[in-house]
Amino acid sequence: MTKTSSNEQFALVVMPHLDDAYALARWLTGNGTDAEDIVQEASLRALRGLDRYAGGNARAWFLAITRNTAFTWLARNRPKALVVTEDIETLAAVDSSETPEEALIAKAGANELERAIGALPPPFKETLVLRDINGLNYREIAEITGAPLGTVMSRLARARGLLMAALAGQGAK
């Protein structure tokens, strides 16, 4: 593969998904600067691994690389503790139809929502972010996380339930 074709393939496969990768890394780390570093490292890993990319869902492929890069980075740089994100308002909503969960979330302030999502256990937070913020389907999430489809569904349901309970509890204060 020539350098030009590698650059072109990178532009087609990775570049369109940088924003989603940043959003995922930011939610996993709770910090924009750390997320930028992780996406940069994930991009380098993707570039080095383009010869192993077999086609298919480029977004899921790159987000899996980003996820693994983030977990490696967190293991090296952070204690094993829950992290709260810094600015939820910069992330766009995925779906415009409002569910009961979304109605409750809409009532909650950005800071309360940020704290509630940040307090979720990592597997639930990761699944919630991949589905409700990045808009991935269950199969894509299963591919990225390596979890069975049923586990993805149950984690998402549990994450939403925990989030609603946390937001409802904050509203009672």
N, C-alpha and C. Protein backbone atom coordinates (compact mmCIF):
# COMPACT_ATOMS: atom_id res chain seq x y z
N MET A 1 0.85 -1.18 0.00
CA MET A 1 0.00 0.00 0.00
C MET A 1 0.90 1.24 0.00
N THR A 2 0.64 2.16 -0.89
CA THR A 2 1.46 3.37 -0.95
C THR A 2 1.03 4.33 0.14
N LYS A 3 1.90 5.30 0.41
CA LYS A 3 1.61 6.29 1.44
C LYS A 3 0.35 7.08 1.10
N THR A 4 0.18 7.44 -0.19
CA THR A 4 -1.00 8.18 -0.60
C THR A 4 -2.26 7.36 -0.38
N SER A 5 -2.26 6.09 -0.78
CA SER A 5 -3.46 5.29 -0.59
C SER A 5 -3.74 5.05 0.89
N SER A 6 -2.70 4.94 1.70
CA SER A 6 -2.89 4.80 3.14
C SER A 6 -3.52 6.07 3.72
N ASN A 7 -3.05 7.22 3.28
CA ASN A 7 -3.63 8.49 3.75
C ASN A 7 -5.08 8.62 3.30
N GLU A 8 -5.35 8.22 2.06
CA GLU A 8 -6.72 8.29 1.56
C GLU A 8 -7.64 7.35 2.33
N GLN A 9 -7.16 6.14 2.61
CA GLN A 9 -7.95 5.18 3.36
C GLN A 9 -8.19 5.69 4.78
N PHE A 10 -7.18 6.28 5.39
CA PHE A 10 -7.33 6.86 6.73
C PHE A 10 -8.41 7.95 6.70
N ALA A 11 -8.36 8.80 5.68
CA ALA A 11 -9.35 9.88 5.56
C ALA A 11 -10.76 9.33 5.41
N LEU A 12 -10.91 8.22 4.74
CA LEU A 12 -12.23 7.63 4.53
C LEU A 12 -12.72 6.82 5.73
N VAL A 13 -11.82 6.11 6.38
CA VAL A 13 -12.20 5.17 7.42
C VAL A 13 -12.23 5.82 8.81
N VAL A 14 -11.26 6.65 9.13
CA VAL A 14 -11.10 7.17 10.49
C VAL A 14 -11.63 8.60 10.65
N MET A 15 -11.26 9.47 9.77
CA MET A 15 -11.57 10.89 9.93
C MET A 15 -13.05 11.21 10.17
N PRO A 16 -13.97 10.56 9.48
CA PRO A 16 -15.39 10.89 9.72
C PRO A 16 -15.87 10.58 11.14
N HIS A 17 -15.10 9.80 11.88
CA HIS A 17 -15.55 9.34 13.19
C HIS A 17 -14.77 9.94 14.36
N LEU A 18 -13.99 10.96 14.07
CA LEU A 18 -13.18 11.59 15.14
C LEU A 18 -14.05 12.23 16.23
N ASP A 19 -15.15 12.87 15.83
CA ASP A 19 -16.02 13.50 16.84
C ASP A 19 -16.64 12.46 17.77
N ASP A 20 -17.08 11.34 17.21
CA ASP A 20 -17.65 10.28 18.04
C ASP A 20 -16.59 9.69 18.96
N ALA A 21 -15.38 9.53 18.44
CA ALA A 21 -14.29 9.00 19.25
C ALA A 21 -13.97 9.95 20.40
N TYR A 22 -13.95 11.23 20.10
CA TYR A 22 -13.69 12.23 21.14
C TYR A 22 -14.79 12.18 22.22
N ALA A 23 -16.04 12.11 21.79
CA ALA A 23 -17.14 12.06 22.76
C ALA A 23 -17.03 10.84 23.66
N LEU A 24 -16.72 9.70 23.07
CA LEU A 24 -16.56 8.48 23.87
C LEU A 24 -15.39 8.62 24.84
N ALA A 25 -14.26 9.07 24.35
CA ALA A 25 -13.08 9.21 25.21
C ALA A 25 -13.33 10.24 26.31
N ARG A 26 -14.05 11.28 26.00
CA ARG A 26 -14.33 12.32 26.98
C ARG A 26 -15.23 11.79 28.09
N TRP A 27 -16.21 10.99 27.72
CA TRP A 27 -17.08 10.41 28.74
C TRP A 27 -16.34 9.39 29.58
N LEU A 28 -15.45 8.64 28.96
CA LEU A 28 -14.73 7.62 29.71
C LEU A 28 -13.69 8.23 30.64
N THR A 29 -13.09 9.35 30.25
CA THR A 29 -12.05 9.97 31.08
C THR A 29 -12.57 11.10 31.94
N GLY A 30 -13.64 11.75 31.49
CA GLY A 30 -14.17 12.89 32.22
C GLY A 30 -13.40 14.17 31.97
N ASN A 31 -12.56 14.18 30.95
CA ASN A 31 -11.70 15.34 30.73
C ASN A 31 -11.44 15.52 29.25
N GLY A 32 -11.66 16.73 28.73
CA GLY A 32 -11.47 17.00 27.32
C GLY A 32 -10.04 16.88 26.85
N THR A 33 -9.09 17.36 27.66
CA THR A 33 -7.68 17.30 27.28
C THR A 33 -7.21 15.85 27.21
N ASP A 34 -7.59 15.05 28.18
CA ASP A 34 -7.22 13.63 28.16
C ASP A 34 -7.86 12.94 26.96
N ALA A 35 -9.10 13.30 26.67
CA ALA A 35 -9.81 12.70 25.53
C ALA A 35 -9.09 13.03 24.22
N GLU A 36 -8.60 14.24 24.09
CA GLU A 36 -7.85 14.61 22.88
C GLU A 36 -6.61 13.74 22.73
N ASP A 37 -5.90 13.54 23.83
CA ASP A 37 -4.70 12.69 23.80
C ASP A 37 -5.07 11.26 23.41
N ILE A 38 -6.16 10.77 23.94
CA ILE A 38 -6.59 9.40 23.66
C ILE A 38 -6.98 9.25 22.20
N VAL A 39 -7.73 10.22 21.67
CA VAL A 39 -8.14 10.15 20.26
C VAL A 39 -6.93 10.24 19.34
N GLN A 40 -5.96 11.05 19.72
CA GLN A 40 -4.74 11.13 18.92
C GLN A 40 -4.02 9.77 18.91
N GLU A 41 -3.89 9.16 20.07
CA GLU A 41 -3.25 7.85 20.16
C GLU A 41 -4.06 6.80 19.41
N ALA A 42 -5.39 6.85 19.54
CA ALA A 42 -6.25 5.89 18.83
C ALA A 42 -6.12 6.08 17.32
N SER A 43 -6.00 7.30 16.88
CA SER A 43 -5.84 7.58 15.45
C SER A 43 -4.53 6.99 14.94
N LEU A 44 -3.48 7.14 15.72
CA LEU A 44 -2.20 6.55 15.33
C LEU A 44 -2.29 5.03 15.28
N ARG A 45 -2.97 4.44 16.26
CA ARG A 45 -3.15 2.99 16.25
C ARG A 45 -3.97 2.55 15.03
N ALA A 46 -5.00 3.33 14.71
CA ALA A 46 -5.83 3.00 13.54
C ALA A 46 -5.01 3.11 12.26
N LEU A 47 -4.19 4.13 12.16
CA LEU A 47 -3.34 4.30 10.98
C LEU A 47 -2.40 3.11 10.83
N ARG A 48 -1.78 2.71 11.93
CA ARG A 48 -0.88 1.54 11.89
C ARG A 48 -1.63 0.25 11.60
N GLY A 49 -2.91 0.21 11.94
CA GLY A 49 -3.68 -1.02 11.75
C GLY A 49 -4.57 -1.03 10.52
N LEU A 50 -4.45 -0.02 9.66
CA LEU A 50 -5.30 0.03 8.47
C LEU A 50 -5.16 -1.21 7.59
N ASP A 51 -3.99 -1.79 7.56
CA ASP A 51 -3.79 -2.99 6.74
C ASP A 51 -4.59 -4.18 7.28
N ARG A 52 -4.99 -4.12 8.56
CA ARG A 52 -5.78 -5.19 9.16
C ARG A 52 -7.28 -4.88 9.13
N TYR A 53 -7.65 -3.67 8.70
CA TYR A 53 -9.06 -3.31 8.61
C TYR A 53 -9.66 -4.06 7.42
N ALA A 54 -10.66 -4.88 7.69
CA ALA A 54 -11.22 -5.75 6.67
C ALA A 54 -12.49 -5.19 6.04
N GLY A 55 -12.73 -3.92 6.20
CA GLY A 55 -13.97 -3.35 5.70
C GLY A 55 -15.06 -3.47 6.74
N GLY A 56 -16.26 -3.20 6.36
CA GLY A 56 -17.37 -3.28 7.31
C GLY A 56 -17.60 -1.95 7.99
N ASN A 57 -18.02 -2.00 9.22
CA ASN A 57 -18.41 -0.81 9.97
C ASN A 57 -17.17 -0.08 10.49
N ALA A 58 -16.76 0.95 9.78
CA ALA A 58 -15.56 1.70 10.15
C ALA A 58 -15.75 2.42 11.48
N ARG A 59 -16.94 2.90 11.73
CA ARG A 59 -17.22 3.62 12.98
C ARG A 59 -17.02 2.70 14.18
N ALA A 60 -17.60 1.52 14.12
CA ALA A 60 -17.46 0.56 15.22
C ALA A 60 -15.99 0.16 15.38
N TRP A 61 -15.29 -0.04 14.27
CA TRP A 61 -13.88 -0.42 14.31
C TRP A 61 -13.06 0.66 15.01
N PHE A 62 -13.25 1.91 14.62
CA PHE A 62 -12.47 2.99 15.21
C PHE A 62 -12.87 3.26 16.67
N LEU A 63 -14.16 3.16 16.98
CA LEU A 63 -14.58 3.36 18.37
C LEU A 63 -14.07 2.24 19.28
N ALA A 64 -13.93 1.04 18.75
CA ALA A 64 -13.34 -0.05 19.54
C ALA A 64 -11.87 0.26 19.84
N ILE A 65 -11.16 0.78 18.85
CA ILE A 65 -9.76 1.18 19.07
C ILE A 65 -9.70 2.30 20.10
N THR A 66 -10.60 3.27 19.99
CA THR A 66 -10.64 4.39 20.94
C THR A 66 -10.94 3.89 22.34
N ARG A 67 -11.91 3.00 22.47
CA ARG A 67 -12.27 2.45 23.78
C ARG A 67 -11.07 1.74 24.41
N ASN A 68 -10.42 0.89 23.65
CA ASN A 68 -9.27 0.16 24.18
C ASN A 68 -8.13 1.11 24.54
N THR A 69 -7.93 2.12 23.72
CA THR A 69 -6.90 3.12 24.01
C THR A 69 -7.24 3.86 25.31
N ALA A 70 -8.50 4.21 25.47
CA ALA A 70 -8.92 4.93 26.68
C ALA A 70 -8.70 4.08 27.93
N PHE A 71 -9.07 2.81 27.87
CA PHE A 71 -8.89 1.95 29.04
C PHE A 71 -7.41 1.73 29.36
N THR A 72 -6.59 1.62 28.33
CA THR A 72 -5.15 1.51 28.54
C THR A 72 -4.62 2.78 29.19
N TRP A 73 -5.05 3.93 28.67
CA TRP A 73 -4.61 5.22 29.20
C TRP A 73 -5.06 5.38 30.66
N LEU A 74 -6.33 5.03 30.94
CA LEU A 74 -6.85 5.15 32.30
C LEU A 74 -6.08 4.25 33.27
N ALA A 75 -5.76 3.05 32.83
CA ALA A 75 -5.02 2.12 33.70
C ALA A 75 -3.64 2.67 34.05
N ARG A 76 -3.03 3.37 33.11
CA ARG A 76 -1.69 3.94 33.34
C ARG A 76 -1.73 5.25 34.12
N ASN A 77 -2.77 6.03 33.93
CA ASN A 77 -2.76 7.41 34.43
C ASN A 77 -3.75 7.75 35.52
N ARG A 78 -4.67 6.88 35.82
CA ARG A 78 -5.69 7.22 36.81
C ARG A 78 -5.85 6.14 37.85
N PRO A 79 -6.16 6.54 39.06
CA PRO A 79 -6.54 5.53 40.06
C PRO A 79 -7.90 4.96 39.67
N LYS A 80 -8.20 3.80 40.18
CA LYS A 80 -9.48 3.17 39.86
C LYS A 80 -10.57 3.84 40.69
N ALA A 81 -11.10 4.93 40.15
CA ALA A 81 -12.16 5.68 40.82
C ALA A 81 -13.11 6.21 39.75
N LEU A 82 -14.31 6.53 40.16
CA LEU A 82 -15.27 7.11 39.24
C LEU A 82 -14.86 8.54 38.93
N VAL A 83 -15.08 8.94 37.69
CA VAL A 83 -14.69 10.26 37.22
C VAL A 83 -15.92 10.98 36.72
N VAL A 84 -16.04 12.27 37.05
CA VAL A 84 -17.15 13.08 36.58
C VAL A 84 -16.67 13.90 35.39
N THR A 85 -17.52 13.99 34.36
CA THR A 85 -17.13 14.73 33.17
C THR A 85 -17.25 16.23 33.41
N GLU A 86 -16.65 17.02 32.49
CA GLU A 86 -16.55 18.46 32.72
C GLU A 86 -17.62 19.32 32.07
N ASP A 87 -18.14 18.97 30.90
CA ASP A 87 -19.08 19.86 30.22
C ASP A 87 -20.03 19.07 29.33
N ILE A 88 -21.16 18.70 29.87
CA ILE A 88 -22.10 17.86 29.13
C ILE A 88 -22.80 18.63 28.02
N GLU A 89 -22.89 19.94 28.11
CA GLU A 89 -23.65 20.71 27.14
C GLU A 89 -23.05 20.68 25.75
N THR A 90 -21.78 20.31 25.61
CA THR A 90 -21.17 20.28 24.28
C THR A 90 -21.54 19.03 23.51
N LEU A 91 -22.15 18.05 24.16
CA LEU A 91 -22.53 16.82 23.48
C LEU A 91 -23.96 16.95 22.97
N ALA A 92 -24.17 16.61 21.72
CA ALA A 92 -25.49 16.74 21.10
C ALA A 92 -26.37 15.55 21.45
N ALA A 93 -27.66 15.80 21.53
CA ALA A 93 -28.61 14.72 21.76
C ALA A 93 -28.72 13.88 20.49
N VAL A 94 -28.94 12.59 20.64
CA VAL A 94 -28.97 11.69 19.50
C VAL A 94 -30.37 11.62 18.89
N ASP A 95 -31.39 11.53 19.71
CA ASP A 95 -32.73 11.29 19.22
C ASP A 95 -33.65 12.42 19.68
N SER A 96 -34.47 12.93 18.76
CA SER A 96 -35.32 14.05 19.12
C SER A 96 -36.65 13.62 19.73
N SER A 97 -37.05 12.35 19.60
CA SER A 97 -38.28 11.90 20.23
C SER A 97 -38.02 11.73 21.73
N GLU A 98 -38.96 12.22 22.53
CA GLU A 98 -38.73 12.25 23.97
C GLU A 98 -39.37 11.06 24.66
N THR A 99 -38.55 10.29 25.38
CA THR A 99 -39.02 9.17 26.18
C THR A 99 -39.21 9.68 27.60
N PRO A 100 -39.83 8.87 28.48
CA PRO A 100 -39.95 9.31 29.87
C PRO A 100 -38.59 9.60 30.50
N GLU A 101 -37.58 8.78 30.16
CA GLU A 101 -36.25 9.02 30.69
C GLU A 101 -35.73 10.38 30.24
N GLU A 102 -35.94 10.68 28.95
CA GLU A 102 -35.44 11.94 28.40
C GLU A 102 -36.20 13.13 28.99
N ALA A 103 -37.49 12.96 29.29
CA ALA A 103 -38.25 14.03 29.90
C ALA A 103 -37.68 14.37 31.28
N LEU A 104 -37.33 13.34 32.04
CA LEU A 104 -36.74 13.56 33.36
C LEU A 104 -35.37 14.21 33.22
N ILE A 105 -34.60 13.73 32.26
CA ILE A 105 -33.27 14.29 32.03
C ILE A 105 -33.37 15.75 31.62
N ALA A 106 -34.37 16.07 30.79
CA ALA A 106 -34.55 17.45 30.34
C ALA A 106 -34.84 18.39 31.51
N LYS A 107 -35.51 17.87 32.53
CA LYS A 107 -35.79 18.68 33.71
C LYS A 107 -34.55 18.88 34.57
N ALA A 108 -33.65 17.96 34.49
CA ALA A 108 -32.43 18.03 35.32
C ALA A 108 -31.47 19.04 34.69
N GLY A 109 -30.75 19.73 35.51
CA GLY A 109 -29.73 20.64 35.02
C GLY A 109 -28.54 19.87 34.48
N ALA A 110 -27.76 20.53 33.68
CA ALA A 110 -26.59 19.90 33.07
C ALA A 110 -25.63 19.35 34.12
N ASN A 111 -25.44 20.08 35.21
CA ASN A 111 -24.51 19.62 36.24
C ASN A 111 -25.01 18.36 36.92
N GLU A 112 -26.32 18.29 37.20
CA GLU A 112 -26.88 17.10 37.84
C GLU A 112 -26.76 15.90 36.91
N LEU A 113 -27.06 16.11 35.63
CA LEU A 113 -26.96 15.02 34.66
C LEU A 113 -25.52 14.56 34.52
N GLU A 114 -24.62 15.50 34.46
CA GLU A 114 -23.20 15.18 34.36
C GLU A 114 -22.75 14.34 35.55
N ARG A 115 -23.14 14.75 36.75
CA ARG A 115 -22.77 13.99 37.94
C ARG A 115 -23.40 12.60 37.94
N ALA A 116 -24.68 12.53 37.52
CA ALA A 116 -25.37 11.24 37.52
C ALA A 116 -24.73 10.27 36.53
N ILE A 117 -24.41 10.73 35.35
CA ILE A 117 -23.75 9.86 34.37
C ILE A 117 -22.36 9.49 34.85
N GLY A 118 -21.63 10.46 35.39
CA GLY A 118 -20.28 10.20 35.89
C GLY A 118 -20.25 9.21 37.02
N ALA A 119 -21.33 9.12 37.79
CA ALA A 119 -21.38 8.21 38.94
C ALA A 119 -21.77 6.79 38.55
N LEU A 120 -22.20 6.59 37.30
CA LEU A 120 -22.56 5.24 36.88
C LEU A 120 -21.33 4.34 36.88
N PRO A 121 -21.49 3.07 37.22
CA PRO A 121 -20.36 2.15 37.11
C PRO A 121 -19.87 2.11 35.65
N PRO A 122 -18.57 1.96 35.44
CA PRO A 122 -18.01 2.07 34.10
C PRO A 122 -18.70 1.27 32.99
N PRO A 123 -19.07 0.00 33.19
CA PRO A 123 -19.72 -0.70 32.07
C PRO A 123 -21.07 -0.09 31.68
N PHE A 124 -21.80 0.42 32.67
CA PHE A 124 -23.09 1.04 32.40
C PHE A 124 -22.90 2.40 31.73
N LYS A 125 -21.95 3.17 32.24
CA LYS A 125 -21.67 4.49 31.67
C LYS A 125 -21.24 4.35 30.21
N GLU A 126 -20.34 3.41 29.96
CA GLU A 126 -19.83 3.19 28.61
C GLU A 126 -20.97 2.82 27.66
N THR A 127 -21.83 1.91 28.06
CA THR A 127 -22.93 1.47 27.21
C THR A 127 -23.91 2.61 26.98
N LEU A 128 -24.23 3.37 28.01
CA LEU A 128 -25.14 4.50 27.88
C LEU A 128 -24.58 5.54 26.92
N VAL A 129 -23.32 5.86 27.03
CA VAL A 129 -22.69 6.85 26.16
C VAL A 129 -22.68 6.36 24.72
N LEU A 130 -22.29 5.11 24.50
CA LEU A 130 -22.25 4.58 23.14
C LEU A 130 -23.63 4.59 22.49
N ARG A 131 -24.66 4.28 23.26
CA ARG A 131 -26.02 4.22 22.69
C ARG A 131 -26.68 5.59 22.62
N ASP A 132 -26.76 6.28 23.75
CA ASP A 132 -27.58 7.48 23.82
C ASP A 132 -26.86 8.75 23.39
N ILE A 133 -25.56 8.73 23.38
CA ILE A 133 -24.82 9.92 22.93
C ILE A 133 -24.23 9.70 21.55
N ASN A 134 -23.60 8.54 21.34
CA ASN A 134 -23.02 8.26 20.03
C ASN A 134 -24.01 7.63 19.06
N GLY A 135 -25.15 7.17 19.54
CA GLY A 135 -26.19 6.64 18.67
C GLY A 135 -25.89 5.30 18.02
N LEU A 136 -25.03 4.52 18.64
CA LEU A 136 -24.72 3.20 18.09
C LEU A 136 -25.85 2.22 18.38
N ASN A 137 -26.01 1.22 17.52
CA ASN A 137 -27.02 0.21 17.79
C ASN A 137 -26.42 -0.86 18.70
N TYR A 138 -27.27 -1.78 19.16
CA TYR A 138 -26.82 -2.80 20.11
C TYR A 138 -25.69 -3.66 19.55
N ARG A 139 -25.81 -4.05 18.29
CA ARG A 139 -24.76 -4.89 17.69
C ARG A 139 -23.42 -4.17 17.63
N GLU A 140 -23.45 -2.90 17.29
CA GLU A 140 -22.20 -2.13 17.24
C GLU A 140 -21.58 -2.02 18.63
N ILE A 141 -22.41 -1.79 19.64
CA ILE A 141 -21.90 -1.70 21.01
C ILE A 141 -21.32 -3.04 21.44
N ALA A 142 -22.00 -4.13 21.10
CA ALA A 142 -21.49 -5.46 21.44
C ALA A 142 -20.15 -5.70 20.76
N GLU A 143 -20.03 -5.27 19.52
CA GLU A 143 -18.76 -5.43 18.79
C GLU A 143 -17.64 -4.62 19.44
N ILE A 144 -17.95 -3.41 19.83
CA ILE A 144 -16.95 -2.52 20.43
C ILE A 144 -16.51 -3.02 21.80
N THR A 145 -17.47 -3.40 22.63
CA THR A 145 -17.16 -3.77 24.01
C THR A 145 -16.79 -5.24 24.18
N GLY A 146 -17.13 -6.05 23.20
CA GLY A 146 -16.87 -7.47 23.32
C GLY A 146 -17.87 -8.18 24.23
N ALA A 147 -18.96 -7.51 24.56
CA ALA A 147 -19.99 -8.09 25.42
C ALA A 147 -21.07 -8.72 24.55
N PRO A 148 -21.72 -9.78 25.02
CA PRO A 148 -22.83 -10.36 24.27
C PRO A 148 -23.97 -9.35 24.11
N LEU A 149 -24.76 -9.52 23.06
CA LEU A 149 -25.86 -8.61 22.77
C LEU A 149 -26.82 -8.46 23.95
N GLY A 150 -27.16 -9.56 24.60
CA GLY A 150 -28.05 -9.50 25.75
C GLY A 150 -27.46 -8.70 26.90
N THR A 151 -26.16 -8.81 27.08
CA THR A 151 -25.49 -8.04 28.13
C THR A 151 -25.55 -6.55 27.82
N VAL A 152 -25.36 -6.20 26.55
CA VAL A 152 -25.46 -4.80 26.15
C VAL A 152 -26.84 -4.26 26.47
N MET A 153 -27.88 -5.03 26.11
CA MET A 153 -29.25 -4.59 26.38
C MET A 153 -29.51 -4.42 27.87
N SER A 154 -29.05 -5.38 28.66
CA SER A 154 -29.31 -5.29 30.10
C SER A 154 -28.50 -4.16 30.73
N ARG A 155 -27.27 -3.94 30.26
CA ARG A 155 -26.48 -2.83 30.79
C ARG A 155 -27.13 -1.49 30.47
N LEU A 156 -27.66 -1.36 29.27
CA LEU A 156 -28.30 -0.11 28.89
C LEU A 156 -29.55 0.13 29.73
N ALA A 157 -30.36 -0.91 29.91
CA ALA A 157 -31.56 -0.77 30.73
C ALA A 157 -31.19 -0.42 32.17
N ARG A 158 -30.18 -1.09 32.69
CA ARG A 158 -29.73 -0.82 34.07
C ARG A 158 -29.17 0.59 34.19
N ALA A 159 -28.38 1.01 33.19
CA ALA A 159 -27.80 2.36 33.22
C ALA A 159 -28.90 3.42 33.21
N ARG A 160 -29.88 3.23 32.36
CA ARG A 160 -30.99 4.20 32.30
C ARG A 160 -31.77 4.22 33.60
N GLY A 161 -31.99 3.05 34.18
CA GLY A 161 -32.68 2.99 35.46
C GLY A 161 -31.92 3.68 36.58
N LEU A 162 -30.62 3.43 36.64
CA LEU A 162 -29.78 4.08 37.65
C LEU A 162 -29.75 5.59 37.44
N LEU A 163 -29.68 6.00 36.19
CA LEU A 163 -29.66 7.43 35.87
C LEU A 163 -30.97 8.09 36.29
N MET A 164 -32.09 7.45 35.96
CA MET A 164 -33.39 8.02 36.35
C MET A 164 -33.53 8.09 37.87
N ALA A 165 -33.09 7.04 38.55
CA ALA A 165 -33.18 7.03 40.02
C ALA A 165 -32.32 8.13 40.62
N ALA A 166 -31.14 8.32 40.06
CA ALA A 166 -30.25 9.36 40.58
C ALA A 166 -30.85 10.75 40.33
N LEU A 167 -31.40 10.96 39.14
CA LEU A 167 -31.98 12.27 38.82
C LEU A 167 -33.25 12.52 39.62
N ALA A 168 -34.07 11.50 39.81
CA ALA A 168 -35.28 11.65 40.60
C ALA A 168 -34.93 11.94 42.05
N GLY A 169 -33.87 11.31 42.56
CA GLY A 169 -33.42 11.56 43.93
C GLY A 169 -32.89 12.97 44.11
N GLN A 170 -32.25 13.51 43.10
CA GLN A 170 -31.72 14.88 43.17
C GLN A 170 -32.86 15.88 43.11
N GLY A 171 -33.91 15.53 42.35
CA GLY A 171 -35.05 16.44 42.26
C GLY A 171 -35.82 16.54 43.55
N ALA A 172 -35.73 15.51 44.38
CA ALA A 172 -36.44 15.50 45.66
C ALA A 172 -35.74 16.35 46.71
N LYS A 173 -34.49 16.70 46.43
CA LYS A 173 -33.71 17.47 47.43
C LYS A 173 -34.13 18.91 47.48
